N, C-alpha and C. Protein backbone atom coordinates (compact mmCIF):
# COMPACT_ATOMS: atom_id res chain seq x y z
N MET A 1 0.85 -1.20 0.00
CA MET A 1 0.00 0.00 0.00
C MET A 1 0.88 1.24 0.00
N ALA A 2 0.57 2.18 -0.88
CA ALA A 2 1.35 3.41 -0.97
C ALA A 2 1.15 4.27 0.27
N ALA A 3 2.22 4.95 0.69
CA ALA A 3 2.13 5.83 1.85
C ALA A 3 1.22 7.01 1.52
N PRO A 4 0.46 7.50 2.50
CA PRO A 4 -0.42 8.65 2.24
C PRO A 4 0.37 9.90 1.91
N ARG A 5 -0.17 10.70 1.02
CA ARG A 5 0.50 11.94 0.65
C ARG A 5 0.43 12.93 1.81
N LYS A 6 1.52 13.67 2.01
CA LYS A 6 1.59 14.64 3.09
C LYS A 6 1.27 16.04 2.55
N PRO A 7 0.28 16.73 3.14
CA PRO A 7 -0.03 18.10 2.69
C PRO A 7 1.19 19.00 2.84
N ASN A 8 1.39 19.87 1.87
CA ASN A 8 2.45 20.87 1.82
C ASN A 8 3.82 20.27 1.53
N ILE A 9 3.90 18.93 1.43
CA ILE A 9 5.15 18.26 1.05
C ILE A 9 4.95 17.53 -0.27
N ASP A 10 3.98 16.63 -0.31
CA ASP A 10 3.69 15.87 -1.53
C ASP A 10 2.71 16.60 -2.44
N HIS A 11 2.00 17.54 -1.90
CA HIS A 11 1.06 18.36 -2.68
C HIS A 11 0.78 19.64 -1.91
N PRO A 12 0.37 20.71 -2.57
CA PRO A 12 0.05 21.95 -1.85
C PRO A 12 -1.23 21.78 -1.03
N GLY A 13 -1.27 22.42 0.13
CA GLY A 13 -2.43 22.33 0.99
C GLY A 13 -3.50 23.35 0.63
N ARG A 14 -4.58 23.29 1.35
CA ARG A 14 -5.72 24.19 1.11
C ARG A 14 -5.30 25.65 1.27
N ASP A 15 -5.80 26.50 0.36
CA ASP A 15 -5.55 27.94 0.33
C ASP A 15 -4.12 28.32 -0.04
N THR A 16 -3.32 27.34 -0.49
CA THR A 16 -1.95 27.64 -0.90
C THR A 16 -1.93 28.37 -2.23
N ALA A 17 -1.12 29.42 -2.33
CA ALA A 17 -0.94 30.13 -3.59
C ALA A 17 -0.01 29.33 -4.50
N LEU A 18 -0.33 29.30 -5.79
CA LEU A 18 0.38 28.45 -6.75
C LEU A 18 0.97 29.23 -7.91
N SER A 19 2.06 28.69 -8.45
CA SER A 19 2.55 29.07 -9.76
C SER A 19 2.37 27.86 -10.65
N ILE A 20 1.70 28.04 -11.80
CA ILE A 20 1.34 26.91 -12.67
C ILE A 20 1.94 27.13 -14.05
N LEU A 21 2.64 26.10 -14.54
CA LEU A 21 3.24 26.17 -15.87
C LEU A 21 2.67 25.06 -16.74
N PRO A 22 1.84 25.40 -17.74
CA PRO A 22 1.34 24.37 -18.68
C PRO A 22 2.50 23.78 -19.47
N LEU A 23 2.51 22.45 -19.59
CA LEU A 23 3.60 21.76 -20.27
C LEU A 23 3.71 22.22 -21.72
N GLY A 24 4.93 22.59 -22.12
CA GLY A 24 5.19 23.00 -23.49
C GLY A 24 4.93 24.46 -23.76
N ARG A 25 4.55 25.22 -22.73
CA ARG A 25 4.31 26.66 -22.91
C ARG A 25 5.30 27.46 -22.09
N ASP A 26 5.46 28.73 -22.44
CA ASP A 26 6.44 29.58 -21.79
C ASP A 26 5.86 30.42 -20.65
N GLU A 27 4.56 30.70 -20.71
CA GLU A 27 3.98 31.62 -19.73
C GLU A 27 3.42 30.88 -18.52
N ALA A 28 3.96 31.19 -17.34
CA ALA A 28 3.44 30.63 -16.10
C ALA A 28 2.23 31.43 -15.64
N LEU A 29 1.40 30.81 -14.84
CA LEU A 29 0.14 31.38 -14.38
C LEU A 29 0.08 31.33 -12.85
N THR A 30 -0.86 32.06 -12.26
CA THR A 30 -1.06 32.01 -10.82
C THR A 30 -2.44 31.47 -10.51
N SER A 31 -2.56 30.79 -9.36
CA SER A 31 -3.81 30.19 -8.94
C SER A 31 -3.76 29.99 -7.43
N ARG A 32 -4.79 29.34 -6.89
CA ARG A 32 -4.84 29.06 -5.45
C ARG A 32 -5.64 27.77 -5.22
N VAL A 33 -5.16 26.94 -4.30
CA VAL A 33 -5.86 25.71 -3.94
C VAL A 33 -7.06 26.05 -3.06
N ARG A 34 -8.21 25.52 -3.41
CA ARG A 34 -9.40 25.67 -2.57
C ARG A 34 -9.63 24.45 -1.69
N ARG A 35 -9.30 23.26 -2.23
CA ARG A 35 -9.38 22.04 -1.43
C ARG A 35 -8.60 20.94 -2.13
N GLU A 36 -8.37 19.83 -1.38
CA GLU A 36 -7.67 18.66 -1.91
C GLU A 36 -8.38 17.42 -1.42
N ALA A 37 -8.60 16.44 -2.27
CA ALA A 37 -9.29 15.22 -1.86
C ALA A 37 -8.97 14.09 -2.83
N ASN A 38 -8.61 12.94 -2.27
CA ASN A 38 -8.46 11.70 -3.05
C ASN A 38 -7.51 11.83 -4.24
N GLY A 39 -6.41 12.55 -4.02
CA GLY A 39 -5.42 12.68 -5.08
C GLY A 39 -5.72 13.75 -6.11
N PHE A 40 -6.71 14.60 -5.83
CA PHE A 40 -7.06 15.69 -6.74
C PHE A 40 -6.92 17.04 -6.02
N LEU A 41 -6.45 18.03 -6.76
CA LEU A 41 -6.43 19.41 -6.29
C LEU A 41 -7.56 20.16 -6.97
N TYR A 42 -8.27 20.99 -6.21
CA TYR A 42 -9.33 21.84 -6.76
C TYR A 42 -8.85 23.28 -6.63
N VAL A 43 -8.55 23.91 -7.77
CA VAL A 43 -7.88 25.21 -7.76
C VAL A 43 -8.72 26.25 -8.51
N THR A 44 -8.45 27.52 -8.18
CA THR A 44 -9.12 28.61 -8.89
C THR A 44 -8.60 28.67 -10.33
N GLN A 45 -9.39 29.27 -11.21
CA GLN A 45 -8.98 29.39 -12.61
C GLN A 45 -7.62 30.08 -12.68
N PRO A 46 -6.61 29.45 -13.26
CA PRO A 46 -5.29 30.10 -13.37
C PRO A 46 -5.38 31.38 -14.20
N ARG A 47 -4.57 32.37 -13.78
CA ARG A 47 -4.58 33.67 -14.45
C ARG A 47 -3.18 34.04 -14.90
N ASN A 48 -3.11 34.81 -15.99
CA ASN A 48 -1.81 35.21 -16.52
C ASN A 48 -1.34 36.51 -15.87
N GLY A 49 -0.27 37.08 -16.41
CA GLY A 49 0.35 38.25 -15.80
C GLY A 49 -0.47 39.51 -15.81
N ILE A 50 -1.56 39.56 -16.61
CA ILE A 50 -2.42 40.74 -16.61
C ILE A 50 -3.80 40.42 -16.03
N GLY A 51 -3.91 39.25 -15.41
CA GLY A 51 -5.15 38.91 -14.71
C GLY A 51 -6.20 38.19 -15.53
N SER A 52 -5.90 37.86 -16.79
CA SER A 52 -6.88 37.17 -17.63
C SER A 52 -6.89 35.67 -17.30
N GLY A 53 -8.09 35.08 -17.25
CA GLY A 53 -8.21 33.68 -16.95
C GLY A 53 -7.74 32.80 -18.10
N SER A 54 -7.11 31.66 -17.73
CA SER A 54 -6.63 30.71 -18.74
C SER A 54 -7.80 29.89 -19.29
N ILE A 55 -7.64 29.40 -20.52
CA ILE A 55 -8.66 28.57 -21.17
C ILE A 55 -8.53 27.13 -20.68
N PHE A 56 -9.65 26.52 -20.31
CA PHE A 56 -9.67 25.14 -19.83
C PHE A 56 -9.45 24.18 -21.00
N VAL A 57 -8.46 23.28 -20.84
CA VAL A 57 -8.18 22.26 -21.84
C VAL A 57 -8.11 20.92 -21.13
N ASP A 58 -9.09 20.06 -21.35
CA ASP A 58 -9.17 18.78 -20.66
C ASP A 58 -7.92 17.94 -20.92
N ARG A 59 -7.37 17.36 -19.83
CA ARG A 59 -6.22 16.46 -19.84
C ARG A 59 -4.92 17.18 -20.18
N ASP A 60 -4.91 18.50 -20.15
CA ASP A 60 -3.67 19.25 -20.31
C ASP A 60 -2.77 18.97 -19.10
N LEU A 61 -1.45 18.95 -19.31
CA LEU A 61 -0.50 18.69 -18.23
C LEU A 61 0.02 20.01 -17.67
N LEU A 62 0.02 20.11 -16.34
CA LEU A 62 0.43 21.34 -15.67
C LEU A 62 1.48 21.02 -14.60
N GLU A 63 2.54 21.81 -14.55
CA GLU A 63 3.49 21.73 -13.44
C GLU A 63 3.07 22.74 -12.39
N VAL A 64 2.75 22.26 -11.19
CA VAL A 64 2.25 23.10 -10.12
C VAL A 64 3.35 23.31 -9.08
N SER A 65 3.69 24.55 -8.78
CA SER A 65 4.73 24.86 -7.80
C SER A 65 4.15 25.70 -6.67
N TRP A 66 4.72 25.52 -5.49
CA TRP A 66 4.24 26.25 -4.31
C TRP A 66 5.35 26.34 -3.27
N GLN A 67 5.17 27.23 -2.29
CA GLN A 67 6.13 27.40 -1.21
C GLN A 67 5.75 26.47 -0.07
N SER A 68 6.60 25.49 0.23
CA SER A 68 6.35 24.58 1.33
C SER A 68 7.24 24.97 2.52
N ASP A 69 7.17 24.18 3.58
CA ASP A 69 7.96 24.48 4.77
C ASP A 69 9.45 24.35 4.51
N ASP A 70 9.84 23.51 3.54
CA ASP A 70 11.26 23.30 3.27
C ASP A 70 11.71 23.94 1.96
N GLY A 71 10.96 24.91 1.46
CA GLY A 71 11.32 25.61 0.24
C GLY A 71 10.30 25.41 -0.86
N LEU A 72 10.66 25.82 -2.06
CA LEU A 72 9.76 25.66 -3.20
C LEU A 72 9.67 24.20 -3.61
N ARG A 73 8.45 23.74 -3.88
CA ARG A 73 8.24 22.37 -4.34
C ARG A 73 7.37 22.39 -5.59
N SER A 74 7.43 21.32 -6.36
CA SER A 74 6.72 21.23 -7.62
C SER A 74 6.17 19.82 -7.78
N VAL A 75 4.97 19.71 -8.39
CA VAL A 75 4.37 18.40 -8.63
C VAL A 75 3.66 18.42 -9.99
N PRO A 76 3.77 17.34 -10.78
CA PRO A 76 3.05 17.29 -12.06
C PRO A 76 1.57 16.96 -11.84
N THR A 77 0.71 17.59 -12.63
CA THR A 77 -0.73 17.34 -12.54
C THR A 77 -1.33 17.26 -13.94
N GLU A 78 -2.53 16.73 -14.00
CA GLU A 78 -3.28 16.64 -15.25
C GLU A 78 -4.68 17.19 -15.02
N ILE A 79 -5.15 18.05 -15.92
CA ILE A 79 -6.50 18.61 -15.79
C ILE A 79 -7.52 17.48 -15.97
N ALA A 80 -8.38 17.33 -14.96
CA ALA A 80 -9.33 16.22 -14.97
C ALA A 80 -10.78 16.66 -15.03
N GLY A 81 -11.04 17.95 -15.03
CA GLY A 81 -12.42 18.41 -15.08
C GLY A 81 -12.56 19.80 -14.50
N ILE A 82 -13.79 20.27 -14.48
CA ILE A 82 -14.10 21.58 -13.92
C ILE A 82 -15.38 21.43 -13.11
N THR A 83 -15.43 22.02 -11.92
CA THR A 83 -16.56 21.84 -11.03
C THR A 83 -17.66 22.85 -11.34
N SER A 84 -18.81 22.65 -10.69
CA SER A 84 -19.95 23.55 -10.91
C SER A 84 -19.66 24.96 -10.45
N GLU A 85 -18.74 25.11 -9.50
CA GLU A 85 -18.40 26.47 -9.04
C GLU A 85 -17.21 27.05 -9.79
N GLY A 86 -16.77 26.38 -10.85
CA GLY A 86 -15.72 26.94 -11.70
C GLY A 86 -14.31 26.60 -11.29
N LEU A 87 -14.12 25.68 -10.32
CA LEU A 87 -12.78 25.28 -9.92
C LEU A 87 -12.24 24.24 -10.90
N TRP A 88 -10.93 24.32 -11.16
CA TRP A 88 -10.28 23.32 -12.00
C TRP A 88 -9.90 22.13 -11.13
N LYS A 89 -10.23 20.93 -11.61
CA LYS A 89 -9.89 19.69 -10.90
C LYS A 89 -8.62 19.12 -11.52
N LEU A 90 -7.55 19.05 -10.72
CA LEU A 90 -6.26 18.59 -11.20
C LEU A 90 -5.90 17.27 -10.53
N ARG A 91 -5.59 16.27 -11.34
CA ARG A 91 -5.15 14.99 -10.79
C ARG A 91 -3.64 15.03 -10.57
N ILE A 92 -3.19 14.69 -9.36
CA ILE A 92 -1.76 14.62 -9.07
C ILE A 92 -1.18 13.44 -9.85
N ALA A 93 -0.22 13.72 -10.74
CA ALA A 93 0.23 12.71 -11.71
C ALA A 93 1.63 12.18 -11.44
N GLY A 94 2.23 12.54 -10.30
CA GLY A 94 3.58 12.07 -10.01
C GLY A 94 4.07 12.60 -8.68
N PRO A 95 5.28 12.23 -8.30
CA PRO A 95 5.82 12.70 -7.01
C PRO A 95 6.25 14.15 -7.06
N ALA A 96 6.22 14.79 -5.90
CA ALA A 96 6.68 16.18 -5.78
C ALA A 96 8.20 16.21 -5.65
N SER A 97 8.79 17.34 -6.04
CA SER A 97 10.24 17.50 -5.94
C SER A 97 10.57 18.92 -5.51
N ARG A 98 11.78 19.10 -5.01
CA ARG A 98 12.24 20.43 -4.61
C ARG A 98 12.61 21.26 -5.83
N VAL A 99 12.37 22.57 -5.75
CA VAL A 99 12.76 23.52 -6.80
C VAL A 99 13.80 24.45 -6.20
N GLN A 100 14.95 24.53 -6.85
CA GLN A 100 16.02 25.38 -6.33
C GLN A 100 15.76 26.83 -6.69
N ARG A 101 15.80 27.70 -5.69
CA ARG A 101 15.61 29.14 -5.94
C ARG A 101 16.23 29.92 -4.80
N ARG A 102 16.84 31.02 -5.10
CA ARG A 102 17.35 31.91 -4.06
C ARG A 102 16.20 32.52 -3.29
N GLU A 103 16.47 32.82 -2.03
CA GLU A 103 15.41 33.40 -1.20
C GLU A 103 15.27 34.90 -1.46
N SER A 104 14.05 35.39 -1.27
CA SER A 104 13.73 36.82 -1.32
C SER A 104 14.20 37.49 -2.60
N VAL A 105 14.06 36.81 -3.73
CA VAL A 105 14.42 37.42 -5.00
C VAL A 105 13.34 38.40 -5.42
N ARG A 106 13.73 39.36 -6.24
CA ARG A 106 12.78 40.33 -6.77
C ARG A 106 12.45 39.96 -8.20
N ALA A 107 11.25 40.32 -8.61
CA ALA A 107 10.83 40.06 -9.99
C ALA A 107 10.21 41.32 -10.56
N PRO A 108 10.48 41.63 -11.83
CA PRO A 108 9.81 42.76 -12.48
C PRO A 108 8.35 42.37 -12.75
N ILE A 109 7.44 43.06 -12.11
CA ILE A 109 6.03 42.72 -12.24
C ILE A 109 5.19 43.97 -12.01
N GLY A 110 4.22 44.19 -12.88
CA GLY A 110 3.36 45.37 -12.78
C GLY A 110 1.99 45.01 -12.26
N LEU A 111 1.70 45.40 -11.02
CA LEU A 111 0.41 45.14 -10.40
C LEU A 111 -0.17 46.47 -9.89
N ARG A 112 -1.48 46.59 -9.96
CA ARG A 112 -2.13 47.79 -9.45
C ARG A 112 -1.93 47.88 -7.95
N VAL A 113 -1.56 49.07 -7.48
CA VAL A 113 -1.28 49.25 -6.06
C VAL A 113 -1.74 50.63 -5.62
N SER A 114 -2.16 50.75 -4.38
CA SER A 114 -2.48 52.05 -3.80
C SER A 114 -1.87 52.13 -2.41
N ILE A 115 -1.56 53.34 -1.99
CA ILE A 115 -0.99 53.55 -0.66
C ILE A 115 -1.72 54.71 0.00
N SER A 116 -2.02 54.55 1.29
CA SER A 116 -2.83 55.54 2.00
C SER A 116 -2.21 55.90 3.34
N TRP A 117 -2.36 57.15 3.72
CA TRP A 117 -2.02 57.61 5.07
C TRP A 117 -2.85 58.86 5.33
N GLU A 118 -3.33 58.99 6.55
CA GLU A 118 -4.24 60.09 6.93
C GLU A 118 -5.39 60.14 5.92
N ASP A 119 -5.59 61.27 5.23
CA ASP A 119 -6.68 61.38 4.25
C ASP A 119 -6.19 61.28 2.81
N ILE A 120 -4.99 60.77 2.61
CA ILE A 120 -4.37 60.79 1.29
C ILE A 120 -4.26 59.37 0.74
N THR A 121 -4.56 59.21 -0.54
CA THR A 121 -4.38 57.94 -1.22
C THR A 121 -3.72 58.18 -2.58
N LEU A 122 -2.65 57.46 -2.84
CA LEU A 122 -1.99 57.50 -4.15
C LEU A 122 -2.23 56.16 -4.85
N ILE A 123 -2.45 56.21 -6.16
CA ILE A 123 -2.71 55.00 -6.95
C ILE A 123 -1.63 54.86 -8.01
N GLY A 124 -1.15 53.65 -8.20
CA GLY A 124 -0.11 53.45 -9.19
C GLY A 124 0.09 51.99 -9.51
N SER A 125 1.35 51.64 -9.83
CA SER A 125 1.69 50.28 -10.25
C SER A 125 3.04 49.89 -9.67
N THR A 126 3.20 48.60 -9.36
CA THR A 126 4.50 48.12 -8.94
C THR A 126 5.44 48.05 -10.14
N MET A 127 6.75 48.22 -9.86
CA MET A 127 7.78 48.02 -10.87
C MET A 127 8.51 46.69 -10.62
N ASP A 128 8.71 46.38 -9.36
CA ASP A 128 9.21 45.06 -9.00
C ASP A 128 8.67 44.70 -7.62
N LEU A 129 8.77 43.42 -7.29
CA LEU A 129 8.12 42.91 -6.09
C LEU A 129 8.93 41.76 -5.51
N SER A 130 8.99 41.69 -4.19
CA SER A 130 9.55 40.55 -3.48
C SER A 130 8.74 40.38 -2.21
N GLU A 131 8.99 39.30 -1.48
CA GLU A 131 8.29 39.12 -0.22
C GLU A 131 8.79 40.09 0.85
N GLY A 132 9.88 40.80 0.55
CA GLY A 132 10.38 41.80 1.48
C GLY A 132 9.81 43.19 1.26
N GLY A 133 9.43 43.49 0.01
CA GLY A 133 8.93 44.82 -0.28
C GLY A 133 8.71 45.02 -1.77
N LEU A 134 8.63 46.28 -2.19
CA LEU A 134 8.33 46.57 -3.58
C LEU A 134 8.83 47.95 -3.98
N LEU A 135 8.98 48.14 -5.26
CA LEU A 135 9.24 49.44 -5.86
C LEU A 135 8.01 49.79 -6.67
N ALA A 136 7.43 50.96 -6.44
CA ALA A 136 6.18 51.34 -7.10
C ALA A 136 6.26 52.77 -7.61
N VAL A 137 5.49 53.03 -8.66
CA VAL A 137 5.35 54.38 -9.21
C VAL A 137 3.89 54.79 -9.08
N PHE A 138 3.66 55.97 -8.49
CA PHE A 138 2.30 56.45 -8.24
C PHE A 138 2.00 57.67 -9.11
N ARG A 139 0.72 57.84 -9.42
CA ARG A 139 0.27 58.95 -10.25
C ARG A 139 0.54 60.30 -9.57
N PRO A 140 0.61 61.37 -10.36
CA PRO A 140 0.90 62.69 -9.78
C PRO A 140 -0.16 63.15 -8.79
N ASN A 141 0.29 63.87 -7.78
CA ASN A 141 -0.56 64.57 -6.83
C ASN A 141 0.05 65.94 -6.63
N GLY A 142 -0.59 66.95 -7.19
CA GLY A 142 -0.02 68.29 -7.19
C GLY A 142 0.19 68.90 -5.83
N ASP A 143 -0.57 68.43 -4.84
CA ASP A 143 -0.45 69.00 -3.50
C ASP A 143 0.66 68.33 -2.69
N LEU A 144 1.06 67.14 -3.09
CA LEU A 144 2.05 66.40 -2.32
C LEU A 144 3.42 67.06 -2.46
N GLY A 145 4.01 67.37 -1.33
CA GLY A 145 5.28 68.07 -1.32
C GLY A 145 5.14 69.57 -1.36
N LEU A 146 3.90 70.05 -1.57
CA LEU A 146 3.64 71.49 -1.61
C LEU A 146 2.74 71.88 -0.44
N HIS A 147 1.48 71.47 -0.47
CA HIS A 147 0.56 71.72 0.63
C HIS A 147 0.46 70.53 1.59
N ILE A 148 0.87 69.39 1.08
CA ILE A 148 0.82 68.17 1.90
C ILE A 148 2.24 67.63 2.02
N PRO A 149 2.75 67.44 3.24
CA PRO A 149 4.11 66.93 3.39
C PRO A 149 4.22 65.46 2.97
N TYR A 150 5.38 65.09 2.45
CA TYR A 150 5.64 63.69 2.15
C TYR A 150 5.65 62.88 3.45
N PRO A 151 5.26 61.62 3.39
CA PRO A 151 5.37 60.79 4.59
C PRO A 151 6.84 60.54 4.93
N SER A 152 7.11 60.33 6.21
CA SER A 152 8.46 60.00 6.64
C SER A 152 8.57 58.49 6.82
N ARG A 153 9.73 58.04 7.22
CA ARG A 153 9.93 56.60 7.43
C ARG A 153 9.14 56.08 8.63
N THR A 154 8.69 56.99 9.48
CA THR A 154 7.91 56.57 10.66
C THR A 154 6.41 56.76 10.46
N THR A 155 5.99 57.28 9.30
CA THR A 155 4.57 57.49 9.03
C THR A 155 3.88 56.15 8.78
N PRO A 156 2.80 55.82 9.51
CA PRO A 156 2.08 54.57 9.23
C PRO A 156 1.43 54.62 7.85
N LEU A 157 1.78 53.67 7.00
CA LEU A 157 1.26 53.60 5.64
C LEU A 157 0.50 52.29 5.45
N SER A 158 -0.61 52.34 4.71
CA SER A 158 -1.37 51.14 4.38
C SER A 158 -1.33 50.93 2.88
N LEU A 159 -0.94 49.75 2.48
CA LEU A 159 -0.82 49.42 1.06
C LEU A 159 -1.89 48.41 0.66
N ALA A 160 -2.50 48.62 -0.50
CA ALA A 160 -3.45 47.66 -1.09
C ALA A 160 -2.89 47.22 -2.43
N LEU A 161 -2.65 45.91 -2.57
CA LEU A 161 -2.02 45.35 -3.75
C LEU A 161 -2.99 44.40 -4.44
N ASP A 162 -3.26 44.66 -5.72
CA ASP A 162 -4.20 43.86 -6.50
C ASP A 162 -3.46 42.64 -7.07
N LEU A 163 -3.77 41.45 -6.53
CA LEU A 163 -3.17 40.22 -6.99
C LEU A 163 -4.15 39.40 -7.82
N TYR A 164 -5.04 40.10 -8.50
CA TYR A 164 -6.02 39.53 -9.43
C TYR A 164 -7.10 38.73 -8.70
N SER A 165 -6.77 37.56 -8.19
CA SER A 165 -7.78 36.78 -7.49
C SER A 165 -7.81 37.09 -6.00
N ASP A 166 -6.87 37.88 -5.52
CA ASP A 166 -6.79 38.28 -4.12
C ASP A 166 -6.37 39.73 -4.05
N GLU A 167 -6.75 40.40 -2.96
CA GLU A 167 -6.24 41.74 -2.68
C GLU A 167 -5.52 41.70 -1.34
N LEU A 168 -4.26 42.12 -1.35
CA LEU A 168 -3.46 42.16 -0.14
C LEU A 168 -3.50 43.57 0.41
N VAL A 169 -3.98 43.73 1.65
CA VAL A 169 -3.97 45.01 2.35
C VAL A 169 -3.07 44.83 3.57
N THR A 170 -2.01 45.61 3.64
CA THR A 170 -1.01 45.39 4.68
C THR A 170 -0.24 46.67 4.98
N PRO A 171 0.27 46.83 6.19
CA PRO A 171 1.10 48.00 6.49
C PRO A 171 2.46 47.91 5.81
N VAL A 172 2.98 49.06 5.40
CA VAL A 172 4.31 49.13 4.80
C VAL A 172 5.05 50.32 5.38
N GLN A 173 6.36 50.33 5.17
CA GLN A 173 7.21 51.44 5.62
C GLN A 173 7.93 52.02 4.42
N LEU A 174 7.99 53.34 4.34
CA LEU A 174 8.73 54.01 3.28
C LEU A 174 10.22 53.82 3.49
N VAL A 175 10.91 53.30 2.48
CA VAL A 175 12.35 53.13 2.56
C VAL A 175 13.05 54.34 1.95
N ARG A 176 12.62 54.74 0.76
CA ARG A 176 13.19 55.93 0.12
C ARG A 176 12.31 56.38 -1.03
N ARG A 177 12.43 57.66 -1.36
CA ARG A 177 11.79 58.23 -2.54
C ARG A 177 12.86 58.53 -3.57
N ARG A 178 12.57 58.25 -4.83
CA ARG A 178 13.54 58.49 -5.89
C ARG A 178 13.09 59.65 -6.75
N ARG A 179 14.01 60.55 -7.04
CA ARG A 179 13.70 61.70 -7.89
C ARG A 179 13.50 61.25 -9.33
N ARG A 180 12.52 61.85 -9.99
CA ARG A 180 12.23 61.55 -11.38
C ARG A 180 12.14 62.85 -12.17
N ASN A 181 12.27 62.75 -13.48
CA ASN A 181 12.17 63.92 -14.34
C ASN A 181 10.73 64.24 -14.71
N ASP A 182 9.80 63.33 -14.34
CA ASP A 182 8.39 63.61 -14.58
C ASP A 182 7.71 63.89 -13.24
N SER A 183 6.39 63.95 -13.21
CA SER A 183 5.67 64.27 -11.98
C SER A 183 5.21 63.04 -11.22
N LEU A 184 5.66 61.85 -11.65
CA LEU A 184 5.29 60.63 -10.95
C LEU A 184 6.09 60.48 -9.66
N HIS A 185 5.54 59.70 -8.74
CA HIS A 185 6.19 59.45 -7.45
C HIS A 185 6.71 58.02 -7.41
N GLU A 186 8.01 57.84 -7.33
CA GLU A 186 8.62 56.51 -7.30
C GLU A 186 9.15 56.22 -5.89
N TRP A 187 8.57 55.22 -5.25
CA TRP A 187 8.90 54.93 -3.86
C TRP A 187 9.29 53.47 -3.69
N SER A 188 10.28 53.23 -2.84
CA SER A 188 10.61 51.89 -2.37
C SER A 188 9.91 51.69 -1.02
N LEU A 189 9.23 50.57 -0.87
CA LEU A 189 8.44 50.30 0.33
C LEU A 189 8.81 48.92 0.89
N ARG A 190 8.78 48.81 2.20
CA ARG A 190 9.08 47.55 2.87
C ARG A 190 7.84 47.04 3.58
N PHE A 191 7.55 45.75 3.42
CA PHE A 191 6.44 45.15 4.15
C PHE A 191 6.76 45.11 5.65
N VAL A 192 5.73 45.36 6.46
CA VAL A 192 5.88 45.33 7.91
C VAL A 192 5.06 44.17 8.46
N ALA A 193 5.74 43.19 9.07
CA ALA A 193 5.07 42.05 9.71
C ALA A 193 4.08 41.39 8.75
N LEU A 194 4.57 41.02 7.57
CA LEU A 194 3.72 40.37 6.57
C LEU A 194 3.34 38.98 7.07
N PRO A 195 2.04 38.67 7.16
CA PRO A 195 1.63 37.33 7.63
C PRO A 195 2.14 36.24 6.69
N PRO A 196 2.37 35.03 7.22
CA PRO A 196 2.90 33.94 6.39
C PRO A 196 2.05 33.66 5.15
N ALA A 197 0.72 33.69 5.29
CA ALA A 197 -0.15 33.42 4.14
C ALA A 197 0.03 34.49 3.06
N SER A 198 0.22 35.74 3.47
CA SER A 198 0.43 36.82 2.51
C SER A 198 1.80 36.70 1.85
N ALA A 199 2.82 36.32 2.63
CA ALA A 199 4.15 36.11 2.06
C ALA A 199 4.12 34.99 1.03
N ASP A 200 3.35 33.94 1.32
CA ASP A 200 3.20 32.82 0.39
C ASP A 200 2.57 33.28 -0.91
N LEU A 201 1.56 34.14 -0.81
CA LEU A 201 0.89 34.68 -1.99
C LEU A 201 1.85 35.52 -2.82
N ILE A 202 2.64 36.36 -2.16
CA ILE A 202 3.63 37.17 -2.86
C ILE A 202 4.64 36.29 -3.58
N ARG A 203 5.12 35.25 -2.90
CA ARG A 203 6.12 34.36 -3.50
C ARG A 203 5.60 33.70 -4.76
N SER A 204 4.32 33.31 -4.76
CA SER A 204 3.78 32.65 -5.95
C SER A 204 3.79 33.59 -7.15
N HIS A 205 3.46 34.87 -6.92
CA HIS A 205 3.47 35.83 -8.02
C HIS A 205 4.90 36.14 -8.47
N VAL A 206 5.83 36.24 -7.51
CA VAL A 206 7.23 36.50 -7.85
C VAL A 206 7.81 35.34 -8.65
N PHE A 207 7.57 34.12 -8.18
CA PHE A 207 8.11 32.95 -8.88
C PHE A 207 7.52 32.83 -10.27
N THR A 208 6.23 33.12 -10.42
CA THR A 208 5.61 33.10 -11.74
C THR A 208 6.24 34.13 -12.66
N ALA A 209 6.47 35.34 -12.14
CA ALA A 209 7.09 36.39 -12.95
C ALA A 209 8.51 36.00 -13.35
N LEU A 210 9.25 35.37 -12.44
CA LEU A 210 10.61 34.94 -12.76
C LEU A 210 10.61 33.85 -13.83
N ARG A 211 9.68 32.93 -13.73
CA ARG A 211 9.56 31.89 -14.75
C ARG A 211 9.32 32.52 -16.12
N ASN A 212 8.41 33.48 -16.16
CA ASN A 212 8.07 34.11 -17.44
C ASN A 212 9.23 34.93 -17.97
N ALA A 213 9.96 35.60 -17.05
CA ALA A 213 11.11 36.39 -17.48
C ALA A 213 12.20 35.48 -18.04
N ARG A 214 12.42 34.34 -17.39
CA ARG A 214 13.44 33.40 -17.88
C ARG A 214 13.05 32.85 -19.25
N ALA A 215 11.74 32.61 -19.45
CA ALA A 215 11.29 32.12 -20.75
C ALA A 215 11.55 33.14 -21.85
N ARG A 216 11.57 34.45 -21.47
CA ARG A 216 11.86 35.50 -22.46
C ARG A 216 13.36 35.78 -22.56
N GLY A 217 14.17 35.04 -21.80
CA GLY A 217 15.61 35.21 -21.88
C GLY A 217 16.18 36.26 -20.95
N LEU A 218 15.43 36.69 -19.94
CA LEU A 218 15.92 37.71 -19.02
C LEU A 218 16.55 37.04 -17.79
N ALA A 219 17.59 36.28 -18.01
CA ALA A 219 18.21 35.51 -16.93
C ALA A 219 18.90 36.41 -15.91
N ALA A 220 19.20 37.65 -16.26
CA ALA A 220 19.95 38.52 -15.36
C ALA A 220 19.20 38.86 -14.09
N ILE A 221 17.88 38.68 -14.05
CA ILE A 221 17.14 39.06 -12.85
C ILE A 221 17.22 38.00 -11.77
N TYR A 222 17.81 36.83 -12.04
CA TYR A 222 17.91 35.79 -11.02
C TYR A 222 19.00 36.10 -10.01
């Protein structure tokens, strides 16, 4: 009798954020496990780098990667169906293995982001992202720096990050502001006490972006 599969080691557990790579394709996708039962994973519709849902192809082969307790792991799966609530049913098709990756790497990725303090909110996009923090560019605010002072490193800031199927709202700290020749605001921000589940979600998006960058030949970002 085969040994029972261990959650988070032999397969990703419930609510785990995923990076998914369809076999033979270059673009990795992001998803999340909703439940696992009898050798099947039930995951949200995988989405690409701009948030568009992937097309369901029965029996397509997918490499599923996730952050486990001992690092990144990967397991082969096969699309086995779609449920009434729109979840993809993936059959675990082989053993899981470790994926080698440096810790806390940054990836070039553009996600909608907003930052708020007191009565002020700036809206913009990330330029790069890691589980430690991000670099973002925000739209112009004519009063900022003139009638409204810039936040300091001790100013409590709240960040909202659009991860397509999830929204991360978390405190951040201003690391530095970078001067630009236009009126945009470019800020480096550090996550403050990021919960493990949120760090896992960030890692899945970063790893997906790195996979896609490597497929385009941008090996220098590793």
